[in-house]
Amino acid sequence: FKSQMIPTGDSASSPPGGKGKVDKRNLRFDSISGQEAIKKPGEINGQQFKLTFVDNSTLWVLDNTADIVCEDAENCKIYLGPVKTLAQFRNIENCAISVACQQFRCTNCTNCIFHLYSSTPPTIEHSSNITFAPYNLGYPLLKQHFAAAQLDSNVNKWENIVDATP
């Protein structure tokens, strides 16, 4: 899981940031198995995004989002552009995930690697065999998406893990 670039030749020139008109059906990946799926710049445009019930897939969200909820994922590679607030992961197993966010939380995750940018110390709960490394995603509009998500690329607390398991 090395530094990753956009998977297709289309660099998409849609404007970053700002909440423009977005088709609400584009705001999720749900029940995807054994596929590669991509959301290109401008398709989410600062809205909330959800990933649920995904397995054996490679998923790309190359846009900025308000927040991300990822639940019930197994054996996936997930690449996420900047998240303005919370990136939350629940019930994730055997996944490699790249995410840049203001706040990171994972609960009930097992055997995962998170390539992470986080403005605040990441929090884990009831999770095991979790590895953290610096954020490793790159695509043409990433710098603009960091600005739209109000993330300062110079302040990354990915390694200051807090285990909140009671």
N, C-alpha and C. Protein backbone atom coordinates (compact mmCIF):
# COMPACT_ATOMS: atom_id res chain seq x y z
N PHE A 1 0.87 -1.18 0.00
CA PHE A 1 0.00 0.00 0.00
C PHE A 1 0.90 1.21 0.00
N LYS A 2 1.42 1.52 -1.16
CA LYS A 2 2.34 2.64 -1.31
C LYS A 2 1.56 3.89 -1.66
N SER A 3 2.28 4.98 -1.86
CA SER A 3 1.64 6.23 -2.25
C SER A 3 0.78 5.99 -3.49
N GLN A 4 -0.44 6.42 -3.45
CA GLN A 4 -1.39 6.11 -4.51
C GLN A 4 -1.80 7.37 -5.26
N MET A 5 -1.99 7.21 -6.55
CA MET A 5 -2.48 8.29 -7.41
C MET A 5 -3.82 7.86 -7.99
N ILE A 6 -4.55 8.80 -8.52
CA ILE A 6 -5.85 8.55 -9.11
C ILE A 6 -5.76 7.39 -10.09
N PRO A 7 -6.71 6.44 -10.07
CA PRO A 7 -6.59 5.21 -10.83
C PRO A 7 -6.89 5.32 -12.32
N THR A 8 -7.56 6.36 -12.77
CA THR A 8 -7.91 6.46 -14.19
C THR A 8 -7.20 7.65 -14.80
N GLY A 9 -7.21 7.73 -16.11
CA GLY A 9 -6.56 8.83 -16.80
C GLY A 9 -7.28 10.14 -16.66
N ASP A 10 -8.52 10.14 -16.20
CA ASP A 10 -9.31 11.35 -16.06
C ASP A 10 -8.98 12.05 -14.76
N SER A 11 -8.35 13.22 -14.84
CA SER A 11 -7.98 13.94 -13.62
C SER A 11 -9.14 14.78 -13.10
N ALA A 12 -10.22 14.84 -13.83
CA ALA A 12 -11.42 15.56 -13.43
C ALA A 12 -11.11 16.99 -13.03
N SER A 13 -11.70 17.92 -13.72
CA SER A 13 -11.41 19.33 -13.46
C SER A 13 -12.56 20.04 -12.78
N SER A 14 -13.43 19.32 -12.12
CA SER A 14 -14.53 19.94 -11.39
C SER A 14 -13.99 20.81 -10.27
N PRO A 15 -14.71 21.89 -9.95
CA PRO A 15 -14.22 22.78 -8.91
C PRO A 15 -14.24 22.14 -7.54
N PRO A 16 -13.20 22.37 -6.74
CA PRO A 16 -13.18 21.83 -5.39
C PRO A 16 -13.96 22.70 -4.43
N GLY A 17 -14.24 22.14 -3.26
CA GLY A 17 -14.83 22.91 -2.17
C GLY A 17 -16.26 23.29 -2.42
N GLY A 18 -16.80 24.15 -1.57
CA GLY A 18 -18.15 24.67 -1.72
C GLY A 18 -19.19 23.60 -1.93
N LYS A 19 -20.32 23.76 -1.34
CA LYS A 19 -21.38 22.77 -1.49
C LYS A 19 -22.22 23.13 -2.70
N GLY A 20 -21.88 22.54 -3.84
CA GLY A 20 -22.63 22.76 -5.05
C GLY A 20 -23.76 21.75 -5.16
N LYS A 21 -24.42 21.74 -6.31
CA LYS A 21 -25.51 20.81 -6.53
C LYS A 21 -24.94 19.40 -6.70
N VAL A 22 -25.38 18.49 -5.84
CA VAL A 22 -24.85 17.13 -5.82
C VAL A 22 -26.03 16.16 -5.84
N ASP A 23 -25.92 15.13 -6.67
CA ASP A 23 -26.93 14.07 -6.71
C ASP A 23 -26.79 13.23 -5.45
N LYS A 24 -27.81 13.21 -4.60
CA LYS A 24 -27.75 12.51 -3.31
C LYS A 24 -27.43 11.02 -3.47
N ARG A 25 -27.74 10.43 -4.61
CA ARG A 25 -27.42 9.02 -4.85
C ARG A 25 -25.92 8.79 -4.93
N ASN A 26 -25.17 9.86 -5.16
CA ASN A 26 -23.71 9.76 -5.26
C ASN A 26 -23.02 9.81 -3.91
N LEU A 27 -23.77 9.95 -2.83
CA LEU A 27 -23.17 10.18 -1.52
C LEU A 27 -22.94 8.92 -0.71
N ARG A 28 -22.81 7.76 -1.40
CA ARG A 28 -22.54 6.52 -0.67
C ARG A 28 -22.00 5.44 -1.60
N PHE A 29 -21.25 4.53 -0.98
CA PHE A 29 -20.93 3.23 -1.57
C PHE A 29 -21.62 2.23 -0.65
N ASP A 30 -22.55 1.45 -1.17
CA ASP A 30 -23.32 0.54 -0.34
C ASP A 30 -23.42 -0.82 -1.03
N SER A 31 -23.17 -1.88 -0.25
CA SER A 31 -23.30 -3.26 -0.73
C SER A 31 -22.50 -3.50 -2.01
N ILE A 32 -21.22 -3.16 -1.95
CA ILE A 32 -20.32 -3.38 -3.09
C ILE A 32 -19.42 -4.56 -2.76
N SER A 33 -19.32 -5.51 -3.69
CA SER A 33 -18.49 -6.68 -3.47
C SER A 33 -17.68 -6.99 -4.72
N GLY A 34 -16.36 -7.13 -4.55
CA GLY A 34 -15.49 -7.53 -5.65
C GLY A 34 -15.42 -6.55 -6.79
N GLN A 35 -15.48 -5.25 -6.50
CA GLN A 35 -15.48 -4.24 -7.55
C GLN A 35 -14.48 -3.13 -7.26
N GLU A 36 -14.22 -2.32 -8.26
CA GLU A 36 -13.52 -1.05 -8.08
C GLU A 36 -14.54 0.04 -8.37
N ALA A 37 -14.66 1.00 -7.44
CA ALA A 37 -15.61 2.09 -7.62
C ALA A 37 -14.91 3.40 -7.29
N ILE A 38 -15.31 4.48 -7.97
CA ILE A 38 -14.65 5.77 -7.79
C ILE A 38 -15.68 6.90 -7.76
N LYS A 39 -15.44 7.85 -6.87
CA LYS A 39 -16.15 9.12 -6.86
C LYS A 39 -15.11 10.16 -7.21
N LYS A 40 -15.34 10.88 -8.31
CA LYS A 40 -14.37 11.84 -8.82
C LYS A 40 -14.60 13.23 -8.20
N PRO A 41 -13.60 14.09 -8.33
CA PRO A 41 -13.76 15.46 -7.81
C PRO A 41 -15.04 16.11 -8.34
N GLY A 42 -15.77 16.75 -7.41
CA GLY A 42 -17.01 17.44 -7.76
C GLY A 42 -18.26 16.61 -7.56
N GLU A 43 -18.11 15.28 -7.39
CA GLU A 43 -19.30 14.43 -7.22
C GLU A 43 -19.87 14.50 -5.80
N ILE A 44 -19.04 14.80 -4.82
CA ILE A 44 -19.50 14.86 -3.43
C ILE A 44 -19.49 16.31 -2.94
N ASN A 45 -18.44 17.03 -3.26
CA ASN A 45 -18.38 18.47 -3.08
C ASN A 45 -18.70 18.95 -1.67
N GLY A 46 -18.05 18.33 -0.67
CA GLY A 46 -18.19 18.82 0.69
C GLY A 46 -19.38 18.27 1.46
N GLN A 47 -20.07 17.27 0.93
CA GLN A 47 -21.21 16.67 1.61
C GLN A 47 -20.76 15.47 2.45
N GLN A 48 -21.65 14.93 3.28
CA GLN A 48 -21.38 13.71 4.04
C GLN A 48 -21.33 12.53 3.07
N PHE A 49 -20.45 11.53 3.37
CA PHE A 49 -20.34 10.35 2.52
C PHE A 49 -20.33 9.11 3.40
N LYS A 50 -21.01 8.04 2.95
CA LYS A 50 -21.07 6.78 3.70
C LYS A 50 -20.60 5.61 2.85
N LEU A 51 -19.87 4.70 3.49
CA LEU A 51 -19.48 3.43 2.89
C LEU A 51 -20.01 2.35 3.82
N THR A 52 -20.87 1.48 3.31
CA THR A 52 -21.46 0.43 4.15
C THR A 52 -21.53 -0.89 3.40
N PHE A 53 -21.26 -1.97 4.12
CA PHE A 53 -21.35 -3.33 3.60
C PHE A 53 -20.57 -3.49 2.29
N VAL A 54 -19.26 -3.25 2.39
CA VAL A 54 -18.37 -3.39 1.23
C VAL A 54 -17.35 -4.48 1.54
N ASP A 55 -17.01 -5.28 0.52
CA ASP A 55 -16.00 -6.31 0.72
C ASP A 55 -15.26 -6.59 -0.57
N ASN A 56 -14.00 -7.00 -0.41
CA ASN A 56 -13.15 -7.41 -1.53
C ASN A 56 -13.17 -6.40 -2.67
N SER A 57 -13.09 -5.12 -2.32
CA SER A 57 -13.20 -4.06 -3.32
C SER A 57 -12.12 -3.00 -3.12
N THR A 58 -11.90 -2.20 -4.17
CA THR A 58 -11.06 -1.02 -4.11
C THR A 58 -11.95 0.17 -4.35
N LEU A 59 -11.99 1.09 -3.38
CA LEU A 59 -12.92 2.22 -3.42
C LEU A 59 -12.15 3.53 -3.32
N TRP A 60 -12.49 4.46 -4.20
CA TRP A 60 -11.81 5.75 -4.28
C TRP A 60 -12.83 6.87 -4.08
N VAL A 61 -12.55 7.79 -3.15
CA VAL A 61 -13.35 9.00 -2.98
C VAL A 61 -12.37 10.16 -3.15
N LEU A 62 -12.31 10.69 -4.37
CA LEU A 62 -11.32 11.71 -4.73
C LEU A 62 -11.97 13.09 -4.71
N ASP A 63 -12.55 13.42 -3.59
CA ASP A 63 -13.24 14.69 -3.40
C ASP A 63 -13.19 15.01 -1.92
N ASN A 64 -13.47 16.25 -1.56
CA ASN A 64 -13.55 16.59 -0.15
C ASN A 64 -14.97 16.31 0.35
N THR A 65 -15.05 15.91 1.63
CA THR A 65 -16.34 15.57 2.22
C THR A 65 -16.49 16.29 3.56
N ALA A 66 -17.74 16.41 4.03
CA ALA A 66 -17.99 17.00 5.35
C ALA A 66 -17.57 16.02 6.42
N ASP A 67 -18.02 14.78 6.29
CA ASP A 67 -17.61 13.71 7.18
C ASP A 67 -17.78 12.39 6.47
N ILE A 68 -17.13 11.36 7.01
CA ILE A 68 -17.15 10.02 6.42
C ILE A 68 -17.57 9.03 7.50
N VAL A 69 -18.49 8.15 7.15
CA VAL A 69 -18.83 7.02 8.00
C VAL A 69 -18.59 5.77 7.16
N CYS A 70 -17.74 4.88 7.67
CA CYS A 70 -17.45 3.62 6.99
C CYS A 70 -17.78 2.50 7.97
N GLU A 71 -18.73 1.65 7.59
CA GLU A 71 -19.16 0.56 8.46
C GLU A 71 -19.21 -0.75 7.69
N ASP A 72 -18.80 -1.83 8.39
CA ASP A 72 -18.92 -3.17 7.85
C ASP A 72 -18.19 -3.33 6.52
N ALA A 73 -16.87 -3.17 6.59
CA ALA A 73 -16.01 -3.35 5.41
C ALA A 73 -15.02 -4.48 5.70
N GLU A 74 -14.76 -5.29 4.67
CA GLU A 74 -13.83 -6.40 4.84
C GLU A 74 -13.01 -6.59 3.56
N ASN A 75 -11.70 -6.78 3.74
CA ASN A 75 -10.77 -7.06 2.64
C ASN A 75 -10.84 -6.01 1.53
N CYS A 76 -10.80 -4.74 1.92
CA CYS A 76 -10.89 -3.64 0.95
C CYS A 76 -9.66 -2.75 1.00
N LYS A 77 -9.44 -2.04 -0.09
CA LYS A 77 -8.53 -0.90 -0.15
C LYS A 77 -9.42 0.31 -0.36
N ILE A 78 -9.30 1.28 0.54
CA ILE A 78 -10.17 2.45 0.51
C ILE A 78 -9.31 3.71 0.54
N TYR A 79 -9.48 4.57 -0.46
CA TYR A 79 -8.71 5.80 -0.59
C TYR A 79 -9.67 6.98 -0.48
N LEU A 80 -9.47 7.82 0.54
CA LEU A 80 -10.40 8.91 0.80
C LEU A 80 -9.68 10.27 0.76
N GLY A 81 -10.28 11.21 0.04
CA GLY A 81 -9.79 12.58 0.02
C GLY A 81 -10.10 13.25 1.36
N PRO A 82 -9.76 14.53 1.50
CA PRO A 82 -9.90 15.24 2.77
C PRO A 82 -11.33 15.30 3.32
N VAL A 83 -11.42 15.10 4.65
CA VAL A 83 -12.68 15.09 5.38
C VAL A 83 -12.64 16.28 6.35
N LYS A 84 -13.61 17.17 6.24
CA LYS A 84 -13.60 18.40 7.03
C LYS A 84 -13.71 18.14 8.54
N THR A 85 -14.49 17.14 8.93
CA THR A 85 -14.67 16.89 10.36
C THR A 85 -14.26 15.46 10.69
N LEU A 86 -15.22 14.61 11.02
CA LEU A 86 -14.96 13.27 11.53
C LEU A 86 -14.92 12.20 10.44
N ALA A 87 -13.90 11.37 10.50
CA ALA A 87 -13.85 10.14 9.71
C ALA A 87 -14.00 9.00 10.71
N GLN A 88 -15.11 8.27 10.60
CA GLN A 88 -15.45 7.24 11.57
C GLN A 88 -15.51 5.88 10.90
N PHE A 89 -14.82 4.90 11.50
CA PHE A 89 -14.74 3.55 10.97
C PHE A 89 -15.21 2.57 12.02
N ARG A 90 -16.20 1.72 11.66
CA ARG A 90 -16.74 0.73 12.60
C ARG A 90 -16.85 -0.62 11.91
N ASN A 91 -16.42 -1.65 12.63
CA ASN A 91 -16.53 -3.03 12.13
C ASN A 91 -15.80 -3.20 10.80
N ILE A 92 -14.52 -2.87 10.82
CA ILE A 92 -13.68 -2.96 9.63
C ILE A 92 -12.67 -4.07 9.86
N GLU A 93 -12.49 -4.94 8.86
CA GLU A 93 -11.56 -6.06 9.01
C GLU A 93 -10.71 -6.25 7.76
N ASN A 94 -9.41 -6.42 7.98
CA ASN A 94 -8.46 -6.71 6.88
C ASN A 94 -8.52 -5.67 5.77
N CYS A 95 -8.48 -4.40 6.14
CA CYS A 95 -8.55 -3.33 5.15
C CYS A 95 -7.32 -2.42 5.23
N ALA A 96 -7.00 -1.81 4.09
CA ALA A 96 -5.98 -0.76 4.01
C ALA A 96 -6.72 0.51 3.61
N ILE A 97 -6.59 1.55 4.43
CA ILE A 97 -7.38 2.77 4.24
C ILE A 97 -6.48 3.99 4.31
N SER A 98 -6.63 4.89 3.33
CA SER A 98 -5.98 6.20 3.35
C SER A 98 -7.06 7.24 3.61
N VAL A 99 -6.84 8.09 4.63
CA VAL A 99 -7.82 9.12 4.95
C VAL A 99 -7.14 10.34 5.56
N ALA A 100 -7.59 11.53 5.15
CA ALA A 100 -7.15 12.80 5.73
C ALA A 100 -8.38 13.43 6.37
N CYS A 101 -8.27 13.79 7.66
CA CYS A 101 -9.46 14.29 8.36
C CYS A 101 -9.06 15.20 9.52
N GLN A 102 -10.06 15.90 10.04
CA GLN A 102 -9.85 16.72 11.23
C GLN A 102 -9.82 15.83 12.46
N GLN A 103 -10.72 14.83 12.50
CA GLN A 103 -10.79 13.92 13.64
C GLN A 103 -11.00 12.49 13.12
N PHE A 104 -10.27 11.53 13.71
CA PHE A 104 -10.33 10.12 13.30
C PHE A 104 -10.77 9.27 14.48
N ARG A 105 -11.67 8.32 14.20
CA ARG A 105 -12.09 7.36 15.22
C ARG A 105 -12.34 6.02 14.56
N CYS A 106 -11.79 4.95 15.17
CA CYS A 106 -12.12 3.60 14.71
C CYS A 106 -12.56 2.75 15.90
N THR A 107 -13.61 1.97 15.67
CA THR A 107 -14.20 1.12 16.70
C THR A 107 -14.43 -0.27 16.13
N ASN A 108 -14.04 -1.29 16.88
CA ASN A 108 -14.23 -2.68 16.45
C ASN A 108 -13.57 -2.96 15.10
N CYS A 109 -12.35 -2.52 14.95
CA CYS A 109 -11.58 -2.75 13.72
C CYS A 109 -10.47 -3.76 14.03
N THR A 110 -10.19 -4.62 13.04
CA THR A 110 -9.20 -5.68 13.22
C THR A 110 -8.34 -5.81 11.97
N ASN A 111 -7.03 -5.99 12.18
CA ASN A 111 -6.09 -6.26 11.07
C ASN A 111 -6.19 -5.21 9.96
N CYS A 112 -6.05 -3.95 10.33
CA CYS A 112 -6.15 -2.86 9.36
C CYS A 112 -4.92 -1.98 9.41
N ILE A 113 -4.62 -1.35 8.28
CA ILE A 113 -3.62 -0.29 8.24
C ILE A 113 -4.33 0.99 7.80
N PHE A 114 -4.10 2.05 8.56
CA PHE A 114 -4.65 3.36 8.24
C PHE A 114 -3.50 4.29 7.88
N HIS A 115 -3.48 4.76 6.63
CA HIS A 115 -2.55 5.79 6.20
C HIS A 115 -3.29 7.09 6.47
N LEU A 116 -2.81 7.84 7.47
CA LEU A 116 -3.65 8.86 8.09
C LEU A 116 -3.01 10.24 8.13
N TYR A 117 -3.83 11.23 7.81
CA TYR A 117 -3.58 12.61 8.19
C TYR A 117 -4.70 12.94 9.16
N SER A 118 -4.38 13.45 10.35
CA SER A 118 -5.40 13.86 11.31
C SER A 118 -4.93 15.12 12.03
N SER A 119 -5.83 16.12 12.09
CA SER A 119 -5.51 17.36 12.78
C SER A 119 -5.46 17.18 14.29
N THR A 120 -6.13 16.13 14.77
CA THR A 120 -6.20 15.85 16.21
C THR A 120 -5.72 14.41 16.43
N PRO A 121 -5.36 14.07 17.66
CA PRO A 121 -4.92 12.69 17.91
C PRO A 121 -6.01 11.67 17.55
N PRO A 122 -5.69 10.65 16.77
CA PRO A 122 -6.66 9.62 16.39
C PRO A 122 -7.08 8.79 17.60
N THR A 123 -8.34 8.37 17.60
CA THR A 123 -8.88 7.57 18.70
C THR A 123 -9.29 6.19 18.21
N ILE A 124 -8.86 5.17 18.94
CA ILE A 124 -9.29 3.80 18.65
C ILE A 124 -10.02 3.25 19.85
N GLU A 125 -10.98 2.34 19.59
CA GLU A 125 -11.72 1.67 20.65
C GLU A 125 -11.98 0.23 20.24
N HIS A 126 -11.78 -0.69 21.16
CA HIS A 126 -12.11 -2.10 20.93
C HIS A 126 -11.57 -2.60 19.59
N SER A 127 -10.34 -2.26 19.28
CA SER A 127 -9.72 -2.63 18.01
C SER A 127 -8.42 -3.36 18.27
N SER A 128 -8.02 -4.22 17.31
CA SER A 128 -6.78 -4.98 17.48
C SER A 128 -6.02 -5.08 16.17
N ASN A 129 -4.71 -5.21 16.31
CA ASN A 129 -3.80 -5.32 15.18
C ASN A 129 -4.02 -4.18 14.17
N ILE A 130 -3.99 -2.96 14.68
CA ILE A 130 -4.16 -1.76 13.86
C ILE A 130 -2.79 -1.11 13.68
N THR A 131 -2.46 -0.75 12.44
CA THR A 131 -1.21 -0.07 12.12
C THR A 131 -1.53 1.30 11.56
N PHE A 132 -0.73 2.29 11.96
CA PHE A 132 -0.90 3.65 11.44
C PHE A 132 0.37 4.07 10.70
N ALA A 133 0.19 4.84 9.63
CA ALA A 133 1.28 5.39 8.84
C ALA A 133 0.80 6.74 8.29
N PRO A 134 1.72 7.57 7.79
CA PRO A 134 1.31 8.86 7.24
C PRO A 134 0.42 8.70 6.00
N TYR A 135 -0.43 9.67 5.78
CA TYR A 135 -1.33 9.73 4.62
C TYR A 135 -0.53 9.59 3.34
N ASN A 136 -1.04 8.82 2.39
CA ASN A 136 -0.25 8.51 1.20
C ASN A 136 -1.00 8.66 -0.12
N LEU A 137 -2.11 9.38 -0.11
CA LEU A 137 -2.89 9.54 -1.34
C LEU A 137 -2.50 10.82 -2.06
N GLY A 138 -2.46 10.76 -3.38
CA GLY A 138 -2.21 11.95 -4.18
C GLY A 138 -3.09 11.95 -5.42
N TYR A 139 -3.62 13.11 -5.76
CA TYR A 139 -4.38 13.29 -7.01
C TYR A 139 -4.37 14.77 -7.34
N PRO A 140 -4.68 15.15 -8.58
CA PRO A 140 -4.47 16.54 -9.03
C PRO A 140 -5.11 17.63 -8.17
N LEU A 141 -6.27 17.42 -7.57
CA LEU A 141 -6.94 18.48 -6.81
C LEU A 141 -6.77 18.32 -5.29
N LEU A 142 -5.86 17.48 -4.85
CA LEU A 142 -5.72 17.22 -3.41
C LEU A 142 -5.44 18.49 -2.61
N LYS A 143 -4.54 19.32 -3.08
CA LYS A 143 -4.20 20.55 -2.34
C LYS A 143 -5.43 21.45 -2.18
N GLN A 144 -6.22 21.59 -3.24
CA GLN A 144 -7.44 22.40 -3.16
C GLN A 144 -8.47 21.76 -2.23
N HIS A 145 -8.54 20.43 -2.23
CA HIS A 145 -9.49 19.74 -1.35
C HIS A 145 -9.07 19.86 0.12
N PHE A 146 -7.76 19.86 0.39
CA PHE A 146 -7.28 20.10 1.76
C PHE A 146 -7.76 21.48 2.22
N ALA A 147 -7.62 22.49 1.35
CA ALA A 147 -8.05 23.85 1.70
C ALA A 147 -9.56 23.91 1.90
N ALA A 148 -10.33 23.26 1.04
CA ALA A 148 -11.79 23.27 1.16
C ALA A 148 -12.24 22.59 2.45
N ALA A 149 -11.49 21.59 2.90
CA ALA A 149 -11.81 20.88 4.15
C ALA A 149 -11.19 21.58 5.36
N GLN A 150 -10.53 22.68 5.13
CA GLN A 150 -9.90 23.48 6.19
C GLN A 150 -8.88 22.66 7.00
N LEU A 151 -8.09 21.85 6.29
CA LEU A 151 -7.04 21.06 6.93
C LEU A 151 -5.69 21.71 6.64
N ASP A 152 -4.85 21.81 7.65
CA ASP A 152 -3.51 22.36 7.51
C ASP A 152 -2.54 21.19 7.32
N SER A 153 -2.02 21.03 6.14
CA SER A 153 -1.15 19.90 5.84
C SER A 153 0.14 19.89 6.67
N ASN A 154 0.45 20.99 7.34
CA ASN A 154 1.65 21.06 8.18
C ASN A 154 1.43 20.53 9.60
N VAL A 155 0.17 20.26 9.96
CA VAL A 155 -0.14 19.78 11.32
C VAL A 155 -0.80 18.41 11.20
N ASN A 156 0.01 17.36 11.32
CA ASN A 156 -0.50 15.99 11.20
C ASN A 156 -0.17 15.21 12.47
N LYS A 157 -1.21 14.80 13.19
CA LYS A 157 -1.02 14.10 14.46
C LYS A 157 -1.34 12.60 14.34
N TRP A 158 -1.08 12.04 13.16
CA TRP A 158 -1.41 10.65 12.88
C TRP A 158 -0.80 9.66 13.87
N GLU A 159 0.33 10.01 14.46
CA GLU A 159 1.04 9.05 15.31
C GLU A 159 0.70 9.19 16.80
N ASN A 160 -0.13 10.16 17.18
CA ASN A 160 -0.48 10.40 18.58
C ASN A 160 -1.76 9.63 18.97
N ILE A 161 -1.73 8.33 18.85
CA ILE A 161 -2.91 7.47 19.02
C ILE A 161 -3.42 7.49 20.46
N VAL A 162 -4.74 7.59 20.60
CA VAL A 162 -5.39 7.50 21.91
C VAL A 162 -6.26 6.25 21.89
N ASP A 163 -6.00 5.32 22.83
CA ASP A 163 -6.85 4.13 22.95
C ASP A 163 -7.89 4.43 24.01
N ALA A 164 -9.14 4.60 23.59
CA ALA A 164 -10.23 4.94 24.49
C ALA A 164 -11.04 3.73 24.92
N THR A 165 -10.49 2.54 24.69
CA THR A 165 -11.17 1.32 25.12
C THR A 165 -11.26 1.32 26.65
N PRO A 166 -12.49 1.16 27.19
CA PRO A 166 -12.62 1.17 28.66
C PRO A 166 -11.94 -0.03 29.31
